[in-house]
C-alpha atoms as a PDB file:
ATOM      1  CA  MET A   1     252.096  69.436 138.167  1.00  0.00           C
ATOM      2  CA  ASN A   2     249.542  71.150 140.372  1.00  0.00           C
ATOM      3  CA  ALA A   3     245.991  69.867 140.263  1.00  0.00           C
ATOM      4  CA  PRO A   4     243.166  72.416 140.274  1.00  0.00           C
ATOM      5  CA  GLY A   5     241.559  70.785 143.307  1.00  0.00           C
ATOM      6  CA  THR A   6     241.432  67.975 145.856  1.00  0.00           C
ATOM      7  CA  CYS A   7     239.111  64.980 145.560  1.00  0.00           C
ATOM      8  CA  VAL A   8     236.211  65.184 148.008  1.00  0.00           C
ATOM      9  CA  ASP A   9     236.131  61.365 148.243  1.00  0.00           C
ATOM     10  CA  CYS A  10     239.765  60.322 148.707  1.00  0.00           C
ATOM     11  CA  GLY A  11     241.844  63.508 148.978  1.00  0.00           C
ATOM     12  CA  ASN A  12     243.992  62.881 145.871  1.00  0.00           C
ATOM     13  CA  GLU A  13     244.555  65.399 143.077  1.00  0.00           C
ATOM     14  CA  ALA A  14     241.274  66.170 141.315  1.00  0.00           C
ATOM     15  CA  TYR A  15     240.637  67.402 137.783  1.00  0.00           C
ATOM     16  CA  ILE A  16     236.867  66.728 137.406  1.00  0.00           C
ATOM     17  CA  GLN A  17     234.443  69.355 138.687  1.00  0.00           C
ATOM     18  CA  LEU A  18     231.020  68.017 139.660  1.00  0.00           C
ATOM     19  CA  ALA A  19     227.963  70.008 138.627  1.00  0.00           C
ATOM     20  CA  GLY A  20     225.397  70.917 141.234  1.00  0.00           C
ATOM     21  CA  GLU A  21     227.509  69.959 144.224  1.00  0.00           C
ATOM     22  CA  ASN A  22     228.942  73.320 145.274  1.00  0.00           C
ATOM     23  CA  GLN A  23     231.611  72.919 142.609  1.00  0.00           C
ATOM     24  CA  ALA A  24     233.222  69.960 144.363  1.00  0.00           C
ATOM     25  CA  MET A  25     236.194  68.311 142.671  1.00  0.00           C
ATOM     26  CA  ILE A  26     236.748  64.580 142.226  1.00  0.00           C
ATOM     27  CA  CYS A  27     239.620  62.451 140.885  1.00  0.00           C
ATOM     28  CA  ALA A  28     239.230  60.164 137.865  1.00  0.00           C
ATOM     29  CA  HIS A  29     239.440  56.997 139.976  1.00  0.00           C
ATOM     30  CA  CYS A  30     236.575  58.007 142.278  1.00  0.00           C
ATOM     31  CA  PHE A  31     234.565  59.300 139.319  1.00  0.00           C
ATOM     32  CA  ALA A  32     234.831  55.895 137.629  1.00  0.00           C
ATOM     33  CA  THR A  33     233.770  54.022 140.769  1.00  0.00           C
ATOM     34  CA  ARG A  34     230.686  56.214 141.239  1.00  0.00           C
ATOM     35  CA  GLY A  35     229.193  55.107 137.927  1.00  0.00           C
ATOM     36  CA  ARG A  36     227.000  57.191 135.683  1.00  0.00           C
ATOM     37  CA  PRO A  37     223.719  58.419 137.130  1.00  0.00           C
ATOM     38  CA  LYS A  38     220.583  57.784 135.089  1.00  0.00           C
ATOM     39  CA  ARG A  39     218.921  60.912 133.777  1.00  0.00           C
ATOM     40  CA  ALA A  40     215.343  61.143 134.964  1.00  0.00           C
ATOM     41  CA  ASP A  41     214.469  63.843 132.435  1.00  0.00           C
ATOM     42  CA  ALA A  42     215.705  61.961 129.375  1.00  0.00           C
ATOM     43  CA  THR A  43     213.308  61.802 126.443  1.00  0.00           C
ATOM     44  CA  PRO A  44     212.795  58.283 125.048  1.00  0.00           C
ATOM     45  CA  THR A  45     214.569  57.745 121.763  1.00  0.00           C
ATOM     46  CA  ARG A  46     213.627  55.457 118.932  1.00  0.00           C
ATOM     47  CA  GLU A  47     215.778  52.713 120.478  1.00  0.00           C
ATOM     48  CA  THR A  48     214.329  53.060 123.984  1.00  0.00           C
ATOM     49  CA  ALA A  49     210.695  53.874 123.153  1.00  0.00           C
ATOM     50  CA  PRO A  50     208.174  51.029 123.456  1.00  0.00           C
ATOM     51  CA  ALA A  51     207.282  49.243 120.210  1.00  0.00           C
ATOM     52  CA  GLN A  52     203.638  50.371 120.490  1.00  0.00           C
ATOM     53  CA  ALA A  53     204.635  54.021 120.428  1.00  0.00           C
ATOM     54  CA  ARG A  54     206.788  53.497 117.343  1.00  0.00           C
ATOM     55  CA  SER A  55     204.041  51.695 115.412  1.00  0.00           C
ATOM     56  CA  ALA A  56     201.459  54.375 116.255  1.00  0.00           C
ATOM     57  CA  LYS A  57     203.133  56.884 113.960  1.00  0.00           C
END
């Protein structure tokens, strides 16, 4: 089976295309070791908002 790309980290077959990185490809193993980046633009949800903000409503 032919992979659509080559992993930019290790050179193995890659199936995951990274957004915002010149369409670089990465394999599942390297993707898992990178971890998930935290979103800076995320809006606080009821679970993550401070208790003071929830009681102000």
